[in-house]
């Protein structure tokens, strides 16, 4: 009797082990400075799909994320098992990684045997630096799409898609776009119906056609002239709204320099932009107010009318500034 029970338990354990082995395996890369949603969103999608998801990092120690969440990886890179899906999130990732980087070495060692390689946000610079995206279409977080060729000269940057699939390589935009990339992979492995069911269970409105794309919104042309120095990290956002054809933004910030010098930092940024032409049409200058009108031509040939306003406020060093931009035609 005892032997029969033991045999039954052993059979059950072997069946469970075999079931686990049959489940698709997903390896999620972690590193210090990784963006939380970049790895947790795909983790949730693949977990909902019933896949076995595990995390890997250079060392099996607590990883400190971009917002100081501590995460203990399941495996070090050297002991990580093979996986059907590799997930490379973004975060503290340089535009170009050397081939000696442990993340590159791990990816090169596992990419051939994986069915899918999914990157999120600027995690795309890892497979790009590894040469895996050479000649392929790829995307990344909206403000860095044009930088992808720094890591792979033959890569074809795509800025108007929420995610891009080229062969088994799927690159998604920033942050929440990792949900879309992961759901696409699930749809290819289990069918679109299952992917839609998972999205509904997560209370996420999944649109495989990707009609809403961060990089297509008009504000992307304004963010490129907002990189002031000193930084504007403590600005108060008074207005920020629009769509693909127009945008309005207004901010309040404390600055030590004269208004004219602050305004010049904006014009210097506009003059230094690659492939985007800011042409001054009109400027009204006063001691406490500077207004200017511009024609902006973007790399896709679209022409935009832009107004910029910088003015002093009543408080000590307080400045209000803002932009409005509207598409007016094509070149």
C-alpha atoms as a PDB file:
ATOM      1  CA  UNK A   1       0.000   0.000   0.000  1.00  0.00           C
ATOM      2  CA  UNK A   2       2.796   2.374   1.025  1.00  0.00           C
ATOM      3  CA  UNK A   3       4.698   1.638  -2.195  1.00  0.00           C
ATOM      4  CA  UNK A   4       1.572   2.322  -4.252  1.00  0.00           C
ATOM      5  CA  UNK A   5       1.129   5.742  -2.582  1.00  0.00           C
ATOM      6  CA  UNK A   6       4.793   6.618  -3.121  1.00  0.00           C
ATOM      7  CA  UNK A   7       4.583   5.579  -6.759  1.00  0.00           C
ATOM      8  CA  UNK A   8       1.467   7.718  -7.248  1.00  0.00           C
ATOM      9  CA  UNK A   9       3.152  10.742  -5.670  1.00  0.00           C
ATOM     10  CA  UNK A  10       6.240  10.248  -7.828  1.00  0.00           C
ATOM     11  CA  UNK A  11       4.088  10.018 -10.954  1.00  0.00           C
ATOM     12  CA  UNK A  12       2.265  13.212  -9.961  1.00  0.00           C
ATOM     13  CA  UNK A  13       5.538  15.049  -9.331  1.00  0.00           C
ATOM     14  CA  UNK A  14       6.942  13.939 -12.675  1.00  0.00           C
ATOM     15  CA  UNK A  15       3.758  15.041 -14.422  1.00  0.00           C
ATOM     16  CA  UNK A  16       3.951  18.457 -12.750  1.00  0.00           C
ATOM     17  CA  UNK A  17       7.624  18.782 -13.691  1.00  0.00           C
ATOM     18  CA  UNK A  18       6.836  17.827 -17.269  1.00  0.00           C
ATOM     19  CA  UNK A  19       4.027  20.408 -17.331  1.00  0.00           C
ATOM     20  CA  UNK A  20       6.384  23.112 -16.124  1.00  0.00           C
ATOM     21  CA  UNK A  21       8.923  22.121 -18.754  1.00  0.00           C
ATOM     22  CA  UNK A  22       6.289  22.476 -21.462  1.00  0.00           C
ATOM     23  CA  UNK A  23       5.365  26.005 -20.424  1.00  0.00           C
ATOM     24  CA  UNK A  24       7.082  28.719 -22.480  1.00  0.00           C
ATOM     25  CA  UNK A  25       9.979  30.202 -20.548  1.00  0.00           C
ATOM     26  CA  UNK A  26      10.520  33.980 -20.365  1.00  0.00           C
ATOM     27  CA  UNK A  27      13.780  35.530 -19.152  1.00  0.00           C
ATOM     28  CA  UNK A  28      13.547  39.154 -18.030  1.00  0.00           C
ATOM     29  CA  UNK A  29      16.844  41.016 -17.806  1.00  0.00           C
ATOM     30  CA  UNK A  30      17.444  43.243 -14.765  1.00  0.00           C
ATOM     31  CA  UNK A  31      20.218  45.744 -14.003  1.00  0.00           C
ATOM     32  CA  UNK A  32      20.755  48.692 -11.699  1.00  0.00           C
ATOM     33  CA  UNK A  33      18.690  51.642 -12.888  1.00  0.00           C
ATOM     34  CA  UNK A  34      16.164  49.528 -14.805  1.00  0.00           C
ATOM     35  CA  UNK A  35      12.758  51.171 -15.276  1.00  0.00           C
ATOM     36  CA  UNK A  36      10.134  49.393 -13.170  1.00  0.00           C
ATOM     37  CA  UNK A  37       7.308  49.353 -15.724  1.00  0.00           C
ATOM     38  CA  UNK A  38       9.709  48.312 -18.486  1.00  0.00           C
ATOM     39  CA  UNK A  39      10.247  44.907 -16.882  1.00  0.00           C
ATOM     40  CA  UNK A  40       7.115  44.544 -14.736  1.00  0.00           C
ATOM     41  CA  UNK A  41       4.600  45.203 -17.540  1.00  0.00           C
ATOM     42  CA  UNK A  42       5.888  42.380 -19.802  1.00  0.00           C
ATOM     43  CA  UNK A  43       6.297  40.195 -16.694  1.00  0.00           C
ATOM     44  CA  UNK A  44       2.585  40.677 -15.959  1.00  0.00           C
ATOM     45  CA  UNK A  45       1.532  39.924 -19.554  1.00  0.00           C
ATOM     46  CA  UNK A  46       3.568  36.737 -19.847  1.00  0.00           C
ATOM     47  CA  UNK A  47       2.574  35.658 -16.345  1.00  0.00           C
ATOM     48  CA  UNK A  48      -1.100  36.150 -17.220  1.00  0.00           C
ATOM     49  CA  UNK A  49      -0.493  34.004 -20.307  1.00  0.00           C
ATOM     50  CA  UNK A  50       0.629  31.136 -18.067  1.00  0.00           C
ATOM     51  CA  UNK A  51       4.281  31.308 -19.100  1.00  0.00           C
ATOM     52  CA  UNK A  52       7.058  30.651 -16.612  1.00  0.00           C
ATOM     53  CA  UNK A  53       8.715  34.026 -16.082  1.00  0.00           C
ATOM     54  CA  UNK A  54      12.049  34.475 -14.320  1.00  0.00           C
ATOM     55  CA  UNK A  55      14.518  37.331 -13.880  1.00  0.00           C
ATOM     56  CA  UNK A  56      18.234  37.377 -14.632  1.00  0.00           C
ATOM     57  CA  UNK A  57      20.979  39.858 -13.766  1.00  0.00           C
ATOM     58  CA  UNK A  58      24.746  40.065 -13.896  1.00  0.00           C
ATOM     59  CA  UNK A  59      24.912  39.010 -10.248  1.00  0.00           C
ATOM     60  CA  UNK A  60      22.360  37.373  -7.971  1.00  0.00           C
ATOM     61  CA  UNK A  61      22.045  40.338  -5.627  1.00  0.00           C
ATOM     62  CA  UNK A  62      19.456  43.013  -5.000  1.00  0.00           C
ATOM     63  CA  UNK A  63      18.960  45.189  -8.088  1.00  0.00           C
ATOM     64  CA  UNK A  64      18.130  48.841  -7.388  1.00  0.00           C
ATOM     65  CA  UNK A  65      15.680  50.104 -10.003  1.00  0.00           C
ATOM     66  CA  UNK A  66      15.299  53.631 -11.391  1.00  0.00           C
ATOM     67  CA  UNK A  67      12.969  54.539  -8.496  1.00  0.00           C
ATOM     68  CA  UNK A  68      14.855  52.648  -5.797  1.00  0.00           C
ATOM     69  CA  UNK A  69      12.758  49.496  -5.751  1.00  0.00           C
ATOM     70  CA  UNK A  70      14.924  46.556  -4.689  1.00  0.00           C
ATOM     71  CA  UNK A  71      14.441  43.385  -6.725  1.00  0.00           C
ATOM     72  CA  UNK A  72      16.261  40.073  -6.204  1.00  0.00           C
ATOM     73  CA  UNK A  73      16.846  38.298  -9.555  1.00  0.00           C
ATOM     74  CA  UNK A  74      16.181  34.578  -9.863  1.00  0.00           C
ATOM     75  CA  UNK A  75      19.429  33.832 -11.693  1.00  0.00           C
ATOM     76  CA  UNK A  76      22.778  35.355 -12.481  1.00  0.00           C
ATOM     77  CA  UNK A  77      23.585  35.686 -16.177  1.00  0.00           C
ATOM     78  CA  UNK A  78      26.080  32.840 -15.997  1.00  0.00           C
ATOM     79  CA  UNK A  79      23.556  30.363 -14.543  1.00  0.00           C
ATOM     80  CA  UNK A  80      20.408  31.526 -16.350  1.00  0.00           C
ATOM     81  CA  UNK A  81      18.570  28.763 -18.234  1.00  0.00           C
ATOM     82  CA  UNK A  82      17.498  29.012 -21.851  1.00  0.00           C
ATOM     83  CA  UNK A  83      14.208  30.760 -22.562  1.00  0.00           C
ATOM     84  CA  UNK A  84      11.691  31.015 -25.376  1.00  0.00           C
ATOM     85  CA  UNK A  85      11.373  34.769 -24.895  1.00  0.00           C
ATOM     86  CA  UNK A  86      14.053  37.256 -23.850  1.00  0.00           C
ATOM     87  CA  UNK A  87      12.914  40.620 -22.451  1.00  0.00           C
ATOM     88  CA  UNK A  88      15.356  43.549 -22.383  1.00  0.00           C
ATOM     89  CA  UNK A  89      13.888  46.546 -20.525  1.00  0.00           C
ATOM     90  CA  UNK A  90      15.179  50.094 -20.597  1.00  0.00           C
ATOM     91  CA  UNK A  91      16.468  52.432 -17.939  1.00  0.00           C
ATOM     92  CA  UNK A  92      20.105  53.229 -17.313  1.00  0.00           C
ATOM     93  CA  UNK A  93      21.264  52.052 -20.729  1.00  0.00           C
ATOM     94  CA  UNK A  94      23.872  53.922 -22.788  1.00  0.00           C
ATOM     95  CA  UNK A  95      23.331  54.499 -26.498  1.00  0.00           C
ATOM     96  CA  UNK A  96      26.278  52.254 -27.340  1.00  0.00           C
ATOM     97  CA  UNK A  97      27.369  49.234 -25.306  1.00  0.00           C
ATOM     98  CA  UNK A  98      30.702  47.467 -25.907  1.00  0.00           C
ATOM     99  CA  UNK A  99      30.628  43.831 -26.974  1.00  0.00           C
ATOM    100  CA  UNK A 100      32.339  43.014 -23.669  1.00  0.00           C
ATOM    101  CA  UNK A 101      29.315  44.218 -21.668  1.00  0.00           C
ATOM    102  CA  UNK A 102      27.816  41.232 -19.755  1.00  0.00           C
ATOM    103  CA  UNK A 103      24.312  42.088 -21.026  1.00  0.00           C
ATOM    104  CA  UNK A 104      25.555  41.891 -24.614  1.00  0.00           C
ATOM    105  CA  UNK A 105      27.385  38.619 -23.975  1.00  0.00           C
ATOM    106  CA  UNK A 106      24.293  37.064 -22.371  1.00  0.00           C
ATOM    107  CA  UNK A 107      22.044  38.222 -25.198  1.00  0.00           C
ATOM    108  CA  UNK A 108      24.377  36.912 -27.900  1.00  0.00           C
ATOM    109  CA  UNK A 109      24.622  33.569 -26.097  1.00  0.00           C
ATOM    110  CA  UNK A 110      20.828  33.150 -25.808  1.00  0.00           C
ATOM    111  CA  UNK A 111      19.294  34.995 -28.773  1.00  0.00           C
ATOM    112  CA  UNK A 112      19.807  32.220 -31.336  1.00  0.00           C
ATOM    113  CA  UNK A 113      17.854  29.654 -29.335  1.00  0.00           C
ATOM    114  CA  UNK A 114      15.078  32.081 -28.292  1.00  0.00           C
ATOM    115  CA  UNK A 115      11.865  32.301 -30.317  1.00  0.00           C
ATOM    116  CA  UNK A 116      11.411  35.992 -29.542  1.00  0.00           C
ATOM    117  CA  UNK A 117      13.544  38.887 -28.325  1.00  0.00           C
ATOM    118  CA  UNK A 118      11.537  41.809 -26.930  1.00  0.00           C
ATOM    119  CA  UNK A 119      13.029  45.165 -25.952  1.00  0.00           C
ATOM    120  CA  UNK A 120      11.232  47.965 -24.134  1.00  0.00           C
ATOM    121  CA  UNK A 121      12.102  51.668 -24.292  1.00  0.00           C
ATOM    122  CA  UNK A 122      15.844  52.312 -24.625  1.00  0.00           C
ATOM    123  CA  UNK A 123      16.482  48.645 -23.946  1.00  0.00           C
ATOM    124  CA  UNK A 124      16.590  48.542 -27.766  1.00  0.00           C
ATOM    125  CA  UNK A 125      20.156  49.845 -27.575  1.00  0.00           C
ATOM    126  CA  UNK A 126      21.234  46.466 -26.136  1.00  0.00           C
ATOM    127  CA  UNK A 127      20.298  44.282 -29.155  1.00  0.00           C
ATOM    128  CA  UNK A 128      21.295  47.164 -31.437  1.00  0.00           C
ATOM    129  CA  UNK A 129      24.767  47.294 -29.890  1.00  0.00           C
ATOM    130  CA  UNK A 130      24.962  43.503 -30.177  1.00  0.00           C
ATOM    131  CA  UNK A 131      24.446  43.791 -33.943  1.00  0.00           C
ATOM    132  CA  UNK A 132      21.157  41.883 -33.784  1.00  0.00           C
ATOM    133  CA  UNK A 133      19.149  44.743 -35.277  1.00  0.00           C
ATOM    134  CA  UNK A 134      21.447  45.417 -38.238  1.00  0.00           C
ATOM    135  CA  UNK A 135      19.302  45.968 -41.326  1.00  0.00           C
ATOM    136  CA  UNK A 136      16.117  45.676 -39.266  1.00  0.00           C
ATOM    137  CA  UNK A 137      13.318  48.132 -38.502  1.00  0.00           C
ATOM    138  CA  UNK A 138      13.222  49.116 -34.848  1.00  0.00           C
ATOM    139  CA  UNK A 139      11.871  51.686 -32.433  1.00  0.00           C
ATOM    140  CA  UNK A 140      12.516  52.904 -28.899  1.00  0.00           C
ATOM    141  CA  UNK A 141      11.286  55.627 -26.570  1.00  0.00           C
ATOM    142  CA  UNK A 142      10.059  58.600 -28.603  1.00  0.00           C
ATOM    143  CA  UNK A 143      12.880  61.039 -27.884  1.00  0.00           C
ATOM    144  CA  UNK A 144      15.613  58.550 -28.782  1.00  0.00           C
ATOM    145  CA  UNK A 145      14.372  57.014 -32.032  1.00  0.00           C
ATOM    146  CA  UNK A 146      16.797  59.106 -34.089  1.00  0.00           C
ATOM    147  CA  UNK A 147      19.667  57.930 -31.875  1.00  0.00           C
ATOM    148  CA  UNK A 148      19.299  54.229 -32.667  1.00  0.00           C
ATOM    149  CA  UNK A 149      21.727  54.415 -35.570  1.00  0.00           C
ATOM    150  CA  UNK A 150      24.450  55.363 -33.068  1.00  0.00           C
ATOM    151  CA  UNK A 151      24.375  51.731 -31.922  1.00  0.00           C
ATOM    152  CA  UNK A 152      23.693  50.186 -35.327  1.00  0.00           C
ATOM    153  CA  UNK A 153      24.402  52.210 -38.463  1.00  0.00           C
ATOM    154  CA  UNK A 154      22.338  49.877 -40.668  1.00  0.00           C
ATOM    155  CA  UNK A 155      19.286  49.884 -38.396  1.00  0.00           C
ATOM    156  CA  UNK A 156      16.092  51.487 -39.798  1.00  0.00           C
ATOM    157  CA  UNK A 157      14.548  53.760 -37.111  1.00  0.00           C
ATOM    158  CA  UNK A 158      10.738  53.829 -36.905  1.00  0.00           C
ATOM    159  CA  UNK A 159       9.118  56.674 -34.998  1.00  0.00           C
ATOM    160  CA  UNK A 160       5.426  56.277 -35.803  1.00  0.00           C
ATOM    161  CA  UNK A 161       4.739  52.845 -34.275  1.00  0.00           C
ATOM    162  CA  UNK A 162       4.070  51.799 -30.688  1.00  0.00           C
ATOM    163  CA  UNK A 163       6.052  48.634 -31.323  1.00  0.00           C
ATOM    164  CA  UNK A 164       7.890  47.188 -34.332  1.00  0.00           C
ATOM    165  CA  UNK A 165       8.254  43.498 -35.167  1.00  0.00           C
ATOM    166  CA  UNK A 166      10.999  42.455 -37.584  1.00  0.00           C
ATOM    167  CA  UNK A 167      11.518  38.723 -37.651  1.00  0.00           C
ATOM    168  CA  UNK A 168      11.719  37.467 -34.085  1.00  0.00           C
ATOM    169  CA  UNK A 169      12.902  40.852 -32.803  1.00  0.00           C
ATOM    170  CA  UNK A 170      10.211  43.094 -31.299  1.00  0.00           C
ATOM    171  CA  UNK A 171      11.153  46.589 -30.168  1.00  0.00           C
ATOM    172  CA  UNK A 172       8.597  48.701 -28.323  1.00  0.00           C
ATOM    173  CA  UNK A 173       8.388  52.353 -27.368  1.00  0.00           C
ATOM    174  CA  UNK A 174       8.820  53.681 -23.878  1.00  0.00           C
ATOM    175  CA  UNK A 175       7.417  52.429 -20.593  1.00  0.00           C
ATOM    176  CA  UNK A 176       3.784  51.311 -21.071  1.00  0.00           C
ATOM    177  CA  UNK A 177       4.454  50.408 -24.722  1.00  0.00           C
ATOM    178  CA  UNK A 178       6.082  47.258 -23.354  1.00  0.00           C
ATOM    179  CA  UNK A 179       2.544  45.993 -22.701  1.00  0.00           C
ATOM    180  CA  UNK A 180       1.803  46.215 -26.421  1.00  0.00           C
ATOM    181  CA  UNK A 181       5.029  44.512 -27.419  1.00  0.00           C
ATOM    182  CA  UNK A 182       4.474  41.676 -24.952  1.00  0.00           C
ATOM    183  CA  UNK A 183       0.836  41.221 -25.988  1.00  0.00           C
ATOM    184  CA  UNK A 184       1.974  41.020 -29.613  1.00  0.00           C
ATOM    185  CA  UNK A 185       4.424  38.236 -28.733  1.00  0.00           C
ATOM    186  CA  UNK A 186       1.663  36.368 -26.879  1.00  0.00           C
ATOM    187  CA  UNK A 187      -0.636  36.808 -29.886  1.00  0.00           C
ATOM    188  CA  UNK A 188       1.986  35.175 -32.103  1.00  0.00           C
ATOM    189  CA  UNK A 189       2.525  32.286 -29.689  1.00  0.00           C
ATOM    190  CA  UNK A 190      -1.033  31.657 -28.453  1.00  0.00           C
ATOM    191  CA  UNK A 191      -3.243  33.545 -30.913  1.00  0.00           C
ATOM    192  CA  UNK A 192      -4.685  37.060 -30.969  1.00  0.00           C
ATOM    193  CA  UNK A 193      -7.826  35.937 -29.150  1.00  0.00           C
ATOM    194  CA  UNK A 194      -5.810  34.852 -26.122  1.00  0.00           C
ATOM    195  CA  UNK A 195      -3.808  38.093 -26.179  1.00  0.00           C
ATOM    196  CA  UNK A 196      -7.033  40.133 -26.238  1.00  0.00           C
ATOM    197  CA  UNK A 197      -8.421  38.084 -23.355  1.00  0.00           C
ATOM    198  CA  UNK A 198      -5.292  38.763 -21.319  1.00  0.00           C
ATOM    199  CA  UNK A 199      -5.490  42.486 -22.086  1.00  0.00           C
ATOM    200  CA  UNK A 200      -9.112  42.562 -20.908  1.00  0.00           C
ATOM    201  CA  UNK A 201      -8.235  40.650 -17.745  1.00  0.00           C
ATOM    202  CA  UNK A 202      -5.584  43.306 -17.076  1.00  0.00           C
ATOM    203  CA  UNK A 203      -8.194  46.034 -17.752  1.00  0.00           C
ATOM    204  CA  UNK A 204      -5.919  47.366 -20.496  1.00  0.00           C
ATOM    205  CA  UNK A 205      -7.269  48.707 -23.772  1.00  0.00           C
ATOM    206  CA  UNK A 206      -5.017  46.955 -26.267  1.00  0.00           C
ATOM    207  CA  UNK A 207      -5.078  48.290 -29.805  1.00  0.00           C
ATOM    208  CA  UNK A 208      -2.812  46.093 -31.966  1.00  0.00           C
ATOM    209  CA  UNK A 209      -2.977  48.700 -34.735  1.00  0.00           C
ATOM    210  CA  UNK A 210      -1.209  51.137 -32.386  1.00  0.00           C
ATOM    211  CA  UNK A 211      -3.171  54.239 -33.326  1.00  0.00           C
ATOM    212  CA  UNK A 212      -1.935  56.114 -30.253  1.00  0.00           C
ATOM    213  CA  UNK A 213       1.810  56.577 -30.626  1.00  0.00           C
ATOM    214  CA  UNK A 214       3.788  58.837 -28.312  1.00  0.00           C
ATOM    215  CA  UNK A 215       6.258  59.795 -31.021  1.00  0.00           C
ATOM    216  CA  UNK A 216       3.491  61.115 -33.295  1.00  0.00           C
ATOM    217  CA  UNK A 217       2.156  63.686 -30.804  1.00  0.00           C
ATOM    218  CA  UNK A 218       3.004  67.280 -31.647  1.00  0.00           C
ATOM    219  CA  UNK A 219       4.706  67.951 -28.309  1.00  0.00           C
ATOM    220  CA  UNK A 220       7.655  65.791 -29.336  1.00  0.00           C
ATOM    221  CA  UNK A 221       8.926  68.746 -31.370  1.00  0.00           C
ATOM    222  CA  UNK A 222       8.790  70.970 -28.278  1.00  0.00           C
ATOM    223  CA  UNK A 223      10.504  68.583 -25.871  1.00  0.00           C
ATOM    224  CA  UNK A 224      13.636  68.783 -28.018  1.00  0.00           C
ATOM    225  CA  UNK A 225      14.071  72.483 -27.215  1.00  0.00           C
ATOM    226  CA  UNK A 226      13.345  72.065 -23.505  1.00  0.00           C
ATOM    227  CA  UNK A 227      16.747  70.744 -22.469  1.00  0.00           C
ATOM    228  CA  UNK A 228      17.777  73.931 -20.682  1.00  0.00           C
ATOM    229  CA  UNK A 229      20.784  74.212 -18.447  1.00  0.00           C
ATOM    230  CA  UNK A 230      20.360  74.463 -15.492  1.00  0.00           C
ATOM    231  CA  UNK A 231      17.676  71.795 -15.900  1.00  0.00           C
ATOM    232  CA  UNK A 232      13.972  72.501 -15.561  1.00  0.00           C
ATOM    233  CA  UNK A 233      13.294  69.604 -13.215  1.00  0.00           C
ATOM    234  CA  UNK A 234      11.366  71.736 -10.716  1.00  0.00           C
ATOM    235  CA  UNK A 235       9.138  73.503 -13.204  1.00  0.00           C
ATOM    236  CA  UNK A 236       5.461  73.869 -12.444  1.00  0.00           C
ATOM    237  CA  UNK A 237       3.392  72.652 -15.414  1.00  0.00           C
ATOM    238  CA  UNK A 238       0.421  74.968 -15.932  1.00  0.00           C
ATOM    239  CA  UNK A 239      -0.817  73.615 -19.282  1.00  0.00           C
ATOM    240  CA  UNK A 240       0.067  70.556 -21.352  1.00  0.00           C
ATOM    241  CA  UNK A 241      -2.433  69.348 -23.953  1.00  0.00           C
ATOM    242  CA  UNK A 242      -2.906  68.652 -27.644  1.00  0.00           C
ATOM    243  CA  UNK A 243      -2.811  65.891 -30.257  1.00  0.00           C
ATOM    244  CA  UNK A 244      -0.870  64.908 -33.377  1.00  0.00           C
ATOM    245  CA  UNK A 245      -1.510  68.226 -35.136  1.00  0.00           C
ATOM    246  CA  UNK A 246      -1.181  70.821 -32.389  1.00  0.00           C
ATOM    247  CA  UNK A 247       0.075  71.271 -28.837  1.00  0.00           C
ATOM    248  CA  UNK A 248       0.076  73.900 -26.105  1.00  0.00           C
ATOM    249  CA  UNK A 249       2.317  73.970 -23.066  1.00  0.00           C
ATOM    250  CA  UNK A 250       2.947  76.524 -20.344  1.00  0.00           C
ATOM    251  CA  UNK A 251       5.287  76.400 -17.356  1.00  0.00           C
ATOM    252  CA  UNK A 252       6.377  78.410 -14.339  1.00  0.00           C
ATOM    253  CA  UNK A 253       9.910  78.178 -13.020  1.00  0.00           C
ATOM    254  CA  UNK A 254      12.416  80.098 -10.886  1.00  0.00           C
ATOM    255  CA  UNK A 255      15.554  81.252 -12.703  1.00  0.00           C
ATOM    256  CA  UNK A 256      18.559  83.256 -11.548  1.00  0.00           C
ATOM    257  CA  UNK A 257      19.682  84.565 -14.945  1.00  0.00           C
ATOM    258  CA  UNK A 258      18.116  87.561 -16.750  1.00  0.00           C
ATOM    259  CA  UNK A 259      15.086  86.801 -18.916  1.00  0.00           C
ATOM    260  CA  UNK A 260      17.029  87.512 -22.115  1.00  0.00           C
ATOM    261  CA  UNK A 261      19.676  84.919 -21.189  1.00  0.00           C
ATOM    262  CA  UNK A 262      17.037  82.333 -20.313  1.00  0.00           C
ATOM    263  CA  UNK A 263      15.355  82.941 -23.682  1.00  0.00           C
ATOM    264  CA  UNK A 264      18.713  82.626 -25.457  1.00  0.00           C
ATOM    265  CA  UNK A 265      19.113  79.119 -24.027  1.00  0.00           C
ATOM    266  CA  UNK A 266      15.922  78.170 -25.861  1.00  0.00           C
ATOM    267  CA  UNK A 267      17.115  79.700 -29.156  1.00  0.00           C
ATOM    268  CA  UNK A 268      20.496  77.991 -28.801  1.00  0.00           C
ATOM    269  CA  UNK A 269      18.743  74.649 -28.367  1.00  0.00           C
ATOM    270  CA  UNK A 270      16.558  75.312 -31.425  1.00  0.00           C
ATOM    271  CA  UNK A 271      19.589  76.240 -33.532  1.00  0.00           C
ATOM    272  CA  UNK A 272      21.473  73.096 -32.526  1.00  0.00           C
ATOM    273  CA  UNK A 273      18.801  70.520 -33.321  1.00  0.00           C
ATOM    274  CA  UNK A 274      19.770  67.907 -35.877  1.00  0.00           C
ATOM    275  CA  UNK A 275      17.465  67.608 -38.920  1.00  0.00           C
ATOM    276  CA  UNK A 276      14.890  70.026 -37.468  1.00  0.00           C
ATOM    277  CA  UNK A 277      14.894  73.597 -38.721  1.00  0.00           C
ATOM    278  CA  UNK A 278      13.599  76.405 -36.480  1.00  0.00           C
ATOM    279  CA  UNK A 279      13.303  79.640 -38.472  1.00  0.00           C
ATOM    280  CA  UNK A 280      12.552  82.876 -36.608  1.00  0.00           C
ATOM    281  CA  UNK A 281       9.782  84.921 -38.238  1.00  0.00           C
ATOM    282  CA  UNK A 282       9.020  87.598 -35.653  1.00  0.00           C
ATOM    283  CA  UNK A 283      10.288  88.701 -32.266  1.00  0.00           C
ATOM    284  CA  UNK A 284       8.847  91.208 -29.780  1.00  0.00           C
ATOM    285  CA  UNK A 285      11.347  92.148 -27.098  1.00  0.00           C
ATOM    286  CA  UNK A 286      10.657  93.993 -23.824  1.00  0.00           C
ATOM    287  CA  UNK A 287      12.320  94.087 -20.416  1.00  0.00           C
ATOM    288  CA  UNK A 288       9.876  91.663 -18.840  1.00  0.00           C
ATOM    289  CA  UNK A 289       8.450  89.861 -21.882  1.00  0.00           C
ATOM    290  CA  UNK A 290       9.828  88.146 -25.008  1.00  0.00           C
ATOM    291  CA  UNK A 291       7.458  86.785 -27.633  1.00  0.00           C
ATOM    292  CA  UNK A 292       8.546  85.130 -30.857  1.00  0.00           C
ATOM    293  CA  UNK A 293       7.016  83.345 -33.837  1.00  0.00           C
ATOM    294  CA  UNK A 294       8.741  80.521 -35.667  1.00  0.00           C
ATOM    295  CA  UNK A 295       8.374  78.203 -38.618  1.00  0.00           C
ATOM    296  CA  UNK A 296       9.524  74.697 -37.726  1.00  0.00           C
ATOM    297  CA  UNK A 297      10.343  72.077 -40.365  1.00  0.00           C
ATOM    298  CA  UNK A 298      10.655  68.549 -38.980  1.00  0.00           C
ATOM    299  CA  UNK A 299      12.615  65.630 -40.490  1.00  0.00           C
ATOM    300  CA  UNK A 300       9.465  64.151 -42.034  1.00  0.00           C
ATOM    301  CA  UNK A 301       8.999  67.321 -44.088  1.00  0.00           C
ATOM    302  CA  UNK A 302       6.065  68.667 -42.067  1.00  0.00           C
ATOM    303  CA  UNK A 303       5.879  72.430 -41.471  1.00  0.00           C
ATOM    304  CA  UNK A 304       4.691  73.838 -38.162  1.00  0.00           C
ATOM    305  CA  UNK A 305       3.865  77.307 -36.868  1.00  0.00           C
ATOM    306  CA  UNK A 306       5.178  77.857 -33.359  1.00  0.00           C
ATOM    307  CA  UNK A 307       4.802  80.685 -30.862  1.00  0.00           C
ATOM    308  CA  UNK A 308       7.040  81.054 -27.825  1.00  0.00           C
ATOM    309  CA  UNK A 309       6.403  83.378 -24.875  1.00  0.00           C
ATOM    310  CA  UNK A 310       8.776  84.114 -21.980  1.00  0.00           C
ATOM    311  CA  UNK A 311       7.759  86.633 -19.309  1.00  0.00           C
ATOM    312  CA  UNK A 312       8.712  87.669 -15.790  1.00  0.00           C
ATOM    313  CA  UNK A 313       6.202  87.159 -13.005  1.00  0.00           C
ATOM    314  CA  UNK A 314       5.683  89.084  -9.789  1.00  0.00           C
ATOM    315  CA  UNK A 315       7.685  86.750  -7.558  1.00  0.00           C
ATOM    316  CA  UNK A 316      11.452  86.909  -7.126  1.00  0.00           C
ATOM    317  CA  UNK A 317      13.055  85.179 -10.113  1.00  0.00           C
ATOM    318  CA  UNK A 318       9.751  83.664 -11.250  1.00  0.00           C
ATOM    319  CA  UNK A 319       9.352  83.185 -14.999  1.00  0.00           C
ATOM    320  CA  UNK A 320       6.410  81.876 -16.984  1.00  0.00           C
ATOM    321  CA  UNK A 321       7.159  80.497 -20.408  1.00  0.00           C
ATOM    322  CA  UNK A 322       5.372  78.343 -22.937  1.00  0.00           C
ATOM    323  CA  UNK A 323       4.899  77.224 -26.507  1.00  0.00           C
ATOM    324  CA  UNK A 324       2.090  76.567 -28.933  1.00  0.00           C
ATOM    325  CA  UNK A 325       2.716  74.605 -32.108  1.00  0.00           C
ATOM    326  CA  UNK A 326       0.402  73.742 -34.999  1.00  0.00           C
ATOM    327  CA  UNK A 327       0.941  71.782 -38.204  1.00  0.00           C
ATOM    328  CA  UNK A 328       0.414  74.011 -41.235  1.00  0.00           C
ATOM    329  CA  UNK A 329       1.533  71.846 -44.157  1.00  0.00           C
ATOM    330  CA  UNK A 330       4.299  69.800 -45.722  1.00  0.00           C
ATOM    331  CA  UNK A 331       7.497  70.773 -47.438  1.00  0.00           C
END
